[in-house]
Structures are given as structure tokens and as C-alpha cells.
Amino acid sequence: MTYAEKLILKKKQETANAMQEGMTFAGGLYAVALNNLYGFGAKRLAEVEAEVQRIWDEEFCTDIETASYGLARRVKQIRGED
């Protein structure tokens, strides 16, 4: 493996790690909010987490850029934003 290939691989891994940390933090915030507002407990939160993982795996897990655009497009559709 060349030095350039190693740098590219390292950058991809750093990006993946940062994304995972962000998702974990956001998931914690949503868990607290769903508990505060709707009384979600461990079972319901586990169901939400499983659905998030399914969506990620099936719809958005191609690459970061595609995932970002796909997610933004879907959120606009759900919220009714133009």
C-alpha cells in the first residue's frame, strides 16, 4: 500500500469515527427528548435505534456525501419544506 493510499484510508476511518461519535451523541439527545415528551423507555428506544440502523444500512450507507443529500431530501419531504 502506498503512502497516499494509507492517508486516504486514514482519512476515511477518521471520518467514519467522527460520524459515529456524532450519531451516538445525537441518539442520546433524541433518547432523552423522546423520554421527556412521550415516555419512551428502553424497549421503544431500542425499536427506534433498530429502525435508524435499518434506514442507514438500506438507504444511506453508500457514502457520506450521498447519505447527506439523501437524508436532507427525505427530511424536507417529511417536514414539507420546499
PDB file of N, CA and C in Angstrom:
ATOM      1  N   MET A   1       0.853  -1.176   0.000  1.00  0.00           N
ATOM      2  CA  MET A   1       0.000   0.000   0.000  1.00  0.00           C
ATOM      3  C   MET A   1       0.904   1.245   0.000  1.00  0.00           C
ATOM      4  N   THR A   2       0.582   2.168  -0.864  1.00  0.00           N
ATOM      5  CA  THR A   2       1.387   3.387  -0.967  1.00  0.00           C
ATOM      6  C   THR A   2       1.057   4.336   0.182  1.00  0.00           C
ATOM      7  N   TYR A   3       1.922   5.308   0.360  1.00  0.00           N
ATOM      8  CA  TYR A   3       1.702   6.322   1.396  1.00  0.00           C
ATOM      9  C   TYR A   3       0.400   7.068   1.154  1.00  0.00           C
ATOM     10  N   ALA A   4       0.131   7.427  -0.099  1.00  0.00           N
ATOM     11  CA  ALA A   4      -1.103   8.148  -0.435  1.00  0.00           C
ATOM     12  C   ALA A   4      -2.330   7.303  -0.113  1.00  0.00           C
ATOM     13  N   GLU A   5      -2.272   6.024  -0.416  1.00  0.00           N
ATOM     14  CA  GLU A   5      -3.394   5.121  -0.110  1.00  0.00           C
ATOM     15  C   GLU A   5      -3.622   5.024   1.400  1.00  0.00           C
ATOM     16  N   LYS A   6      -2.525   4.984   2.148  1.00  0.00           N
ATOM     17  CA  LYS A   6      -2.633   4.936   3.610  1.00  0.00           C
ATOM     18  C   LYS A   6      -3.285   6.210   4.150  1.00  0.00           C
ATOM     19  N   LEU A   7      -2.910   7.360   3.582  1.00  0.00           N
ATOM     20  CA  LEU A   7      -3.512   8.626   4.010  1.00  0.00           C
ATOM     21  C   LEU A   7      -5.002   8.671   3.703  1.00  0.00           C
ATOM     22  N   ILE A   8      -5.373   8.202   2.531  1.00  0.00           N
ATOM     23  CA  ILE A   8      -6.789   8.171   2.150  1.00  0.00           C
ATOM     24  C   ILE A   8      -7.563   7.254   3.087  1.00  0.00           C
ATOM     25  N   LEU A   9      -7.021   6.087   3.368  1.00  0.00           N
ATOM     26  CA  LEU A   9      -7.665   5.136   4.275  1.00  0.00           C
ATOM     27  C   LEU A   9      -7.797   5.729   5.678  1.00  0.00           C
ATOM     28  N   LYS A  10      -6.733   6.394   6.136  1.00  0.00           N
ATOM     29  CA  LYS A  10      -6.761   7.024   7.457  1.00  0.00           C
ATOM     30  C   LYS A  10      -7.847   8.096   7.516  1.00  0.00           C
ATOM     31  N   LYS A  11      -7.954   8.915   6.487  1.00  0.00           N
ATOM     32  CA  LYS A  11      -8.967   9.976   6.435  1.00  0.00           C
ATOM     33  C   LYS A  11     -10.371   9.388   6.447  1.00  0.00           C
ATOM     34  N   LYS A  12     -10.595   8.327   5.696  1.00  0.00           N
ATOM     35  CA  LYS A  12     -11.908   7.672   5.685  1.00  0.00           C
ATOM     36  C   LYS A  12     -12.258   7.130   7.064  1.00  0.00           C
ATOM     37  N   GLN A  13     -11.277   6.534   7.739  1.00  0.00           N
ATOM     38  CA  GLN A  13     -11.510   5.984   9.072  1.00  0.00           C
ATOM     39  C   GLN A  13     -11.801   7.092  10.075  1.00  0.00           C
ATOM     40  N   GLU A  14     -11.069   8.193   9.994  1.00  0.00           N
ATOM     41  CA  GLU A  14     -11.315   9.327  10.885  1.00  0.00           C
ATOM     42  C   GLU A  14     -12.713   9.898  10.666  1.00  0.00           C
ATOM     43  N   THR A  15     -13.121   9.999   9.413  1.00  0.00           N
ATOM     44  CA  THR A  15     -14.456  10.497   9.092  1.00  0.00           C
ATOM     45  C   THR A  15     -15.524   9.558   9.640  1.00  0.00           C
ATOM     46  N   ALA A  16     -15.336   8.265   9.457  1.00  0.00           N
ATOM     47  CA  ALA A  16     -16.287   7.280   9.969  1.00  0.00           C
ATOM     48  C   ALA A  16     -16.378   7.343  11.488  1.00  0.00           C
ATOM     49  N   ASN A  17     -15.236   7.485  12.156  1.00  0.00           N
ATOM     50  CA  ASN A  17     -15.228   7.578  13.620  1.00  0.00           C
ATOM     51  C   ASN A  17     -15.948   8.835  14.097  1.00  0.00           C
ATOM     52  N   ALA A  18     -15.685   9.967  13.441  1.00  0.00           N
ATOM     53  CA  ALA A  18     -16.338  11.218  13.820  1.00  0.00           C
ATOM     54  C   ALA A  18     -17.836  11.129  13.598  1.00  0.00           C
ATOM     55  N   MET A  19     -18.233  10.508  12.505  1.00  0.00           N
ATOM     56  CA  MET A  19     -19.654  10.357  12.225  1.00  0.00           C
ATOM     57  C   MET A  19     -20.321   9.485  13.286  1.00  0.00           C
ATOM     58  N   GLN A  20     -19.679   8.409  13.669  1.00  0.00           N
ATOM     59  CA  GLN A  20     -20.228   7.518  14.693  1.00  0.00           C
ATOM     60  C   GLN A  20     -20.360   8.249  16.030  1.00  0.00           C
ATOM     61  N   GLU A  21     -19.366   9.034  16.388  1.00  0.00           N
ATOM     62  CA  GLU A  21     -19.437   9.802  17.631  1.00  0.00           C
ATOM     63  C   GLU A  21     -20.604  10.788  17.590  1.00  0.00           C
ATOM     64  N   GLY A  22     -20.775  11.454  16.465  1.00  0.00           N
ATOM     65  CA  GLY A  22     -21.875  12.394  16.309  1.00  0.00           C
ATOM     66  C   GLY A  22     -23.227  11.701  16.381  1.00  0.00           C
ATOM     67  N   MET A  23     -23.328  10.538  15.743  1.00  0.00           N
ATOM     68  CA  MET A  23     -24.584   9.793  15.771  1.00  0.00           C
ATOM     69  C   MET A  23     -24.904   9.315  17.188  1.00  0.00           C
ATOM     70  N   THR A  24     -23.890   8.890  17.904  1.00  0.00           N
ATOM     71  CA  THR A  24     -24.092   8.443  19.280  1.00  0.00           C
ATOM     72  C   THR A  24     -24.577   9.598  20.154  1.00  0.00           C
ATOM     73  N   PHE A  25     -23.960  10.763  19.992  1.00  0.00           N
ATOM     74  CA  PHE A  25     -24.358  11.938  20.769  1.00  0.00           C
ATOM     75  C   PHE A  25     -25.796  12.351  20.424  1.00  0.00           C
ATOM     76  N   ALA A  26     -26.097  12.450  19.127  1.00  0.00           N
ATOM     77  CA  ALA A  26     -27.446  12.831  18.694  1.00  0.00           C
ATOM     78  C   ALA A  26     -28.472  11.804  19.167  1.00  0.00           C
ATOM     79  N   GLY A  27     -28.107  10.537  19.096  1.00  0.00           N
ATOM     80  CA  GLY A  27     -29.013   9.484  19.572  1.00  0.00           C
ATOM     81  C   GLY A  27     -29.317   9.641  21.050  1.00  0.00           C
ATOM     82  N   GLY A  28     -28.323  10.018  21.824  1.00  0.00           N
ATOM     83  CA  GLY A  28     -28.550  10.259  23.248  1.00  0.00           C
ATOM     84  C   GLY A  28     -29.495  11.423  23.488  1.00  0.00           C
ATOM     85  N   LEU A  29     -29.306  12.497  22.720  1.00  0.00           N
ATOM     86  CA  LEU A  29     -30.206  13.651  22.844  1.00  0.00           C
ATOM     87  C   LEU A  29     -31.642  13.272  22.489  1.00  0.00           C
ATOM     88  N   TYR A  30     -31.798  12.537  21.398  1.00  0.00           N
ATOM     89  CA  TYR A  30     -33.137  12.109  20.998  1.00  0.00           C
ATOM     90  C   TYR A  30     -33.751  11.156  22.020  1.00  0.00           C
ATOM     91  N   ALA A  31     -32.946  10.285  22.613  1.00  0.00           N
ATOM     92  CA  ALA A  31     -33.453   9.366  23.638  1.00  0.00           C
ATOM     93  C   ALA A  31     -34.015  10.147  24.818  1.00  0.00           C
ATOM     94  N   VAL A  32     -33.286  11.154  25.264  1.00  0.00           N
ATOM     95  CA  VAL A  32     -33.750  11.973  26.390  1.00  0.00           C
ATOM     96  C   VAL A  32     -35.012  12.739  26.001  1.00  0.00           C
ATOM     97  N   ALA A  33     -35.019  13.344  24.799  1.00  0.00           N
ATOM     98  CA  ALA A  33     -36.189  14.105  24.365  1.00  0.00           C
ATOM     99  C   ALA A  33     -37.414  13.208  24.224  1.00  0.00           C
ATOM    100  N   LEU A  34     -37.250  12.040  23.627  1.00  0.00           N
ATOM    101  CA  LEU A  34     -38.388  11.125  23.470  1.00  0.00           C
ATOM    102  C   LEU A  34     -38.888  10.626  24.819  1.00  0.00           C
ATOM    103  N   ASN A  35     -37.988  10.429  25.756  1.00  0.00           N
ATOM    104  CA  ASN A  35     -38.399  10.040  27.090  1.00  0.00           C
ATOM    105  C   ASN A  35     -39.144  11.174  27.774  1.00  0.00           C
ATOM    106  N   ASN A  36     -38.615  12.388  27.692  1.00  0.00           N
ATOM    107  CA  ASN A  36     -39.254  13.543  28.329  1.00  0.00           C
ATOM    108  C   ASN A  36     -40.639  13.815  27.752  1.00  0.00           C
ATOM    109  N   LEU A  37     -40.754  13.788  26.437  1.00  0.00           N
ATOM    110  CA  LEU A  37     -42.011  14.156  25.783  1.00  0.00           C
ATOM    111  C   LEU A  37     -43.043  13.039  25.732  1.00  0.00           C
ATOM    112  N   TYR A  38     -42.584  11.817  25.463  1.00  0.00           N
ATOM    113  CA  TYR A  38     -43.527  10.729  25.195  1.00  0.00           C
ATOM    114  C   TYR A  38     -43.347   9.507  26.090  1.00  0.00           C
ATOM    115  N   GLY A  39     -42.436   9.590  27.054  1.00  0.00           N
ATOM    116  CA  GLY A  39     -42.238   8.489  27.983  1.00  0.00           C
ATOM    117  C   GLY A  39     -41.563   7.264  27.382  1.00  0.00           C
ATOM    118  N   PHE A  40     -40.845   7.436  26.279  1.00  0.00           N
ATOM    119  CA  PHE A  40     -40.166   6.290  25.680  1.00  0.00           C
ATOM    120  C   PHE A  40     -39.197   5.697  26.691  1.00  0.00           C
ATOM    121  N   GLY A  41     -39.225   4.388  26.792  1.00  0.00           N
ATOM    122  CA  GLY A  41     -38.295   3.662  27.644  1.00  0.00           C
ATOM    123  C   GLY A  41     -37.361   2.818  26.795  1.00  0.00           C
ATOM    124  N   ALA A  42     -36.710   1.886  27.440  1.00  0.00           N
ATOM    125  CA  ALA A  42     -35.687   1.073  26.780  1.00  0.00           C
ATOM    126  C   ALA A  42     -36.226   0.325  25.563  1.00  0.00           C
ATOM    127  N   LYS A  43     -37.414  -0.273  25.684  1.00  0.00           N
ATOM    128  CA  LYS A  43     -37.962  -1.070  24.571  1.00  0.00           C
ATOM    129  C   LYS A  43     -38.249  -0.198  23.356  1.00  0.00           C
ATOM    130  N   ARG A  44     -38.928   0.907  23.548  1.00  0.00           N
ATOM    131  CA  ARG A  44     -39.278   1.767  22.422  1.00  0.00           C
ATOM    132  C   ARG A  44     -38.041   2.426  21.823  1.00  0.00           C
ATOM    133  N   LEU A  45     -37.099   2.814  22.666  1.00  0.00           N
ATOM    134  CA  LEU A  45     -35.862   3.395  22.153  1.00  0.00           C
ATOM    135  C   LEU A  45     -35.080   2.366  21.340  1.00  0.00           C
ATOM    136  N   ALA A  46     -35.084   1.109  21.779  1.00  0.00           N
ATOM    137  CA  ALA A  46     -34.404   0.054  21.024  1.00  0.00           C
ATOM    138  C   ALA A  46     -35.057  -0.130  19.657  1.00  0.00           C
ATOM    139  N   GLU A  47     -36.374  -0.008  19.595  1.00  0.00           N
ATOM    140  CA  GLU A  47     -37.083  -0.106  18.313  1.00  0.00           C
ATOM    141  C   GLU A  47     -36.692   1.047  17.388  1.00  0.00           C
ATOM    142  N   VAL A  48     -36.629   2.253  17.942  1.00  0.00           N
ATOM    143  CA  VAL A  48     -36.219   3.418  17.147  1.00  0.00           C
ATOM    144  C   VAL A  48     -34.791   3.223  16.658  1.00  0.00           C
ATOM    145  N   GLU A  49     -33.893   2.789  17.535  1.00  0.00           N
ATOM    146  CA  GLU A  49     -32.500   2.574  17.153  1.00  0.00           C
ATOM    147  C   GLU A  49     -32.376   1.528  16.056  1.00  0.00           C
ATOM    148  N   ALA A  50     -33.158   0.454  16.149  1.00  0.00           N
ATOM    149  CA  ALA A  50     -33.130  -0.586  15.120  1.00  0.00           C
ATOM    150  C   ALA A  50     -33.607  -0.039  13.778  1.00  0.00           C
ATOM    151  N   GLU A  51     -34.636   0.798  13.803  1.00  0.00           N
ATOM    152  CA  GLU A  51     -35.133   1.396  12.563  1.00  0.00           C
ATOM    153  C   GLU A  51     -34.115   2.369  11.983  1.00  0.00           C
ATOM    154  N   VAL A  52     -33.462   3.143  12.823  1.00  0.00           N
ATOM    155  CA  VAL A  52     -32.408   4.047  12.351  1.00  0.00           C
ATOM    156  C   VAL A  52     -31.303   3.235  11.679  1.00  0.00           C
ATOM    157  N   GLN A  53     -30.904   2.146  12.288  1.00  0.00           N
ATOM    158  CA  GLN A  53     -29.851   1.302  11.709  1.00  0.00           C
ATOM    159  C   GLN A  53     -30.300   0.713  10.384  1.00  0.00           C
ATOM    160  N   ARG A  54     -31.561   0.260  10.311  1.00  0.00           N
ATOM    161  CA  ARG A  54     -32.085  -0.295   9.058  1.00  0.00           C
ATOM    162  C   ARG A  54     -32.073   0.751   7.953  1.00  0.00           C
ATOM    163  N   ILE A  55     -32.540   1.958   8.276  1.00  0.00           N
ATOM    164  CA  ILE A  55     -32.552   3.035   7.288  1.00  0.00           C
ATOM    165  C   ILE A  55     -31.138   3.339   6.821  1.00  0.00           C
ATOM    166  N   TRP A  56     -30.217   3.431   7.759  1.00  0.00           N
ATOM    167  CA  TRP A  56     -28.824   3.712   7.405  1.00  0.00           C
ATOM    168  C   TRP A  56     -28.287   2.629   6.469  1.00  0.00           C
ATOM    169  N   ASP A  57     -28.474   1.378   6.849  1.00  0.00           N
ATOM    170  CA  ASP A  57     -27.935   0.263   6.076  1.00  0.00           C
ATOM    171  C   ASP A  57     -28.557   0.161   4.689  1.00  0.00           C
ATOM    172  N   GLU A  58     -29.858   0.375   4.598  1.00  0.00           N
ATOM    173  CA  GLU A  58     -30.566   0.139   3.344  1.00  0.00           C
ATOM    174  C   GLU A  58     -30.657   1.364   2.434  1.00  0.00           C
ATOM    175  N   GLU A  59     -30.663   2.557   3.013  1.00  0.00           N
ATOM    176  CA  GLU A  59     -30.937   3.737   2.203  1.00  0.00           C
ATOM    177  C   GLU A  59     -29.780   4.722   2.087  1.00  0.00           C
ATOM    178  N   PHE A  60     -28.962   4.809   3.101  1.00  0.00           N
ATOM    179  CA  PHE A  60     -27.981   5.887   3.130  1.00  0.00           C
ATOM    180  C   PHE A  60     -26.530   5.434   3.222  1.00  0.00           C
ATOM    181  N   CYS A  61     -26.279   4.179   3.351  1.00  0.00           N
ATOM    182  CA  CYS A  61     -24.912   3.707   3.621  1.00  0.00           C
ATOM    183  C   CYS A  61     -24.090   3.486   2.353  1.00  0.00           C
ATOM    184  N   THR A  62     -24.191   4.374   1.405  1.00  0.00           N
ATOM    185  CA  THR A  62     -23.376   4.237   0.208  1.00  0.00           C
ATOM    186  C   THR A  62     -22.080   5.013   0.379  1.00  0.00           C
ATOM    187  N   ASP A  63     -22.193   6.286   0.665  1.00  0.00           N
ATOM    188  CA  ASP A  63     -21.040   7.105   1.022  1.00  0.00           C
ATOM    189  C   ASP A  63     -21.570   8.331   1.767  1.00  0.00           C
ATOM    190  N   ILE A  64     -20.692   9.018   2.444  1.00  0.00           N
ATOM    191  CA  ILE A  64     -21.090  10.125   3.305  1.00  0.00           C
ATOM    192  C   ILE A  64     -21.838  11.208   2.530  1.00  0.00           C
ATOM    193  N   GLU A  65     -21.307  11.583   1.379  1.00  0.00           N
ATOM    194  CA  GLU A  65     -21.925  12.667   0.606  1.00  0.00           C
ATOM    195  C   GLU A  65     -23.314  12.274   0.120  1.00  0.00           C
ATOM    196  N   THR A  66     -23.444  11.091  -0.423  1.00  0.00           N
ATOM    197  CA  THR A  66     -24.741  10.618  -0.888  1.00  0.00           C
ATOM    198  C   THR A  66     -25.714  10.518   0.284  1.00  0.00           C
ATOM    199  N   ALA A  67     -25.231  10.027   1.415  1.00  0.00           N
ATOM    200  CA  ALA A  67     -26.078   9.905   2.595  1.00  0.00           C
ATOM    201  C   ALA A  67     -26.578  11.267   3.049  1.00  0.00           C
ATOM    202  N   SER A  68     -25.711  12.260   3.044  1.00  0.00           N
ATOM    203  CA  SER A  68     -26.098  13.606   3.479  1.00  0.00           C
ATOM    204  C   SER A  68     -27.190  14.193   2.595  1.00  0.00           C
ATOM    205  N   TYR A  69     -27.010  14.087   1.283  1.00  0.00           N
ATOM    206  CA  TYR A  69     -28.019  14.615   0.363  1.00  0.00           C
ATOM    207  C   TYR A  69     -29.325  13.830   0.459  1.00  0.00           C
ATOM    208  N   GLY A  70     -29.215  12.519   0.564  1.00  0.00           N
ATOM    209  CA  GLY A  70     -30.413  11.685   0.675  1.00  0.00           C
ATOM    210  C   GLY A  70     -31.192  11.986   1.940  1.00  0.00           C
ATOM    211  N   LEU A  71     -30.489  12.156   3.030  1.00  0.00           N
ATOM    212  CA  LEU A  71     -31.139  12.464   4.297  1.00  0.00           C
ATOM    213  C   LEU A  71     -31.800  13.832   4.252  1.00  0.00           C
ATOM    214  N   ALA A  72     -31.101  14.818   3.740  1.00  0.00           N
ATOM    215  CA  ALA A  72     -31.670  16.170   3.643  1.00  0.00           C
ATOM    216  C   ALA A  72     -32.927  16.167   2.781  1.00  0.00           C
ATOM    217  N   ARG A  73     -32.877  15.441   1.673  1.00  0.00           N
ATOM    218  CA  ARG A  73     -34.027  15.350   0.778  1.00  0.00           C
ATOM    219  C   ARG A  73     -35.222  14.701   1.491  1.00  0.00           C
ATOM    220  N   ARG A  74     -34.953  13.636   2.238  1.00  0.00           N
ATOM    221  CA  ARG A  74     -36.025  12.920   2.940  1.00  0.00           C
ATOM    222  C   ARG A  74     -36.623  13.765   4.062  1.00  0.00           C
ATOM    223  N   VAL A  75     -35.796  14.479   4.813  1.00  0.00           N
ATOM    224  CA  VAL A  75     -36.282  15.345   5.887  1.00  0.00           C
ATOM    225  C   VAL A  75     -37.153  16.447   5.321  1.00  0.00           C
ATOM    226  N   LYS A  76     -36.745  17.027   4.206  1.00  0.00           N
ATOM    227  CA  LYS A  76     -37.576  18.059   3.560  1.00  0.00           C
ATOM    228  C   LYS A  76     -38.932  17.499   3.156  1.00  0.00           C
ATOM    229  N   GLN A  77     -38.921  16.281   2.640  1.00  0.00           N
ATOM    230  CA  GLN A  77     -40.172  15.622   2.244  1.00  0.00           C
ATOM    231  C   GLN A  77     -41.082  15.435   3.462  1.00  0.00           C
ATOM    232  N   ILE A  78     -40.531  14.965   4.554  1.00  0.00           N
ATOM    233  CA  ILE A  78     -41.312  14.703   5.764  1.00  0.00           C
ATOM    234  C   ILE A  78     -41.840  15.992   6.377  1.00  0.00           C
ATOM    235  N   ARG A  79     -40.994  16.999   6.459  1.00  0.00           N
ATOM    236  CA  ARG A  79     -41.381  18.262   7.089  1.00  0.00           C
ATOM    237  C   ARG A  79     -42.173  19.172   6.167  1.00  0.00           C
ATOM    238  N   GLY A  80     -42.224  18.837   4.882  1.00  0.00           N
ATOM    239  CA  GLY A  80     -42.968  19.640   3.934  1.00  0.00           C
ATOM    240  C   GLY A  80     -42.278  20.926   3.540  1.00  0.00           C
ATOM    241  N   GLU A  81     -40.953  20.946   3.632  1.00  0.00           N
ATOM    242  CA  GLU A  81     -40.196  22.149   3.266  1.00  0.00           C
ATOM    243  C   GLU A  81     -39.941  22.144   1.772  1.00  0.00           C
ATOM    244  N   ASP A  82     -39.919  23.330   1.191  1.00  0.00           N
ATOM    245  CA  ASP A  82     -39.625  23.449  -0.242  1.00  0.00           C
ATOM    246  C   ASP A  82     -38.152  23.546  -0.488  1.00  0.00           C
TER     247      ASP A  82
END
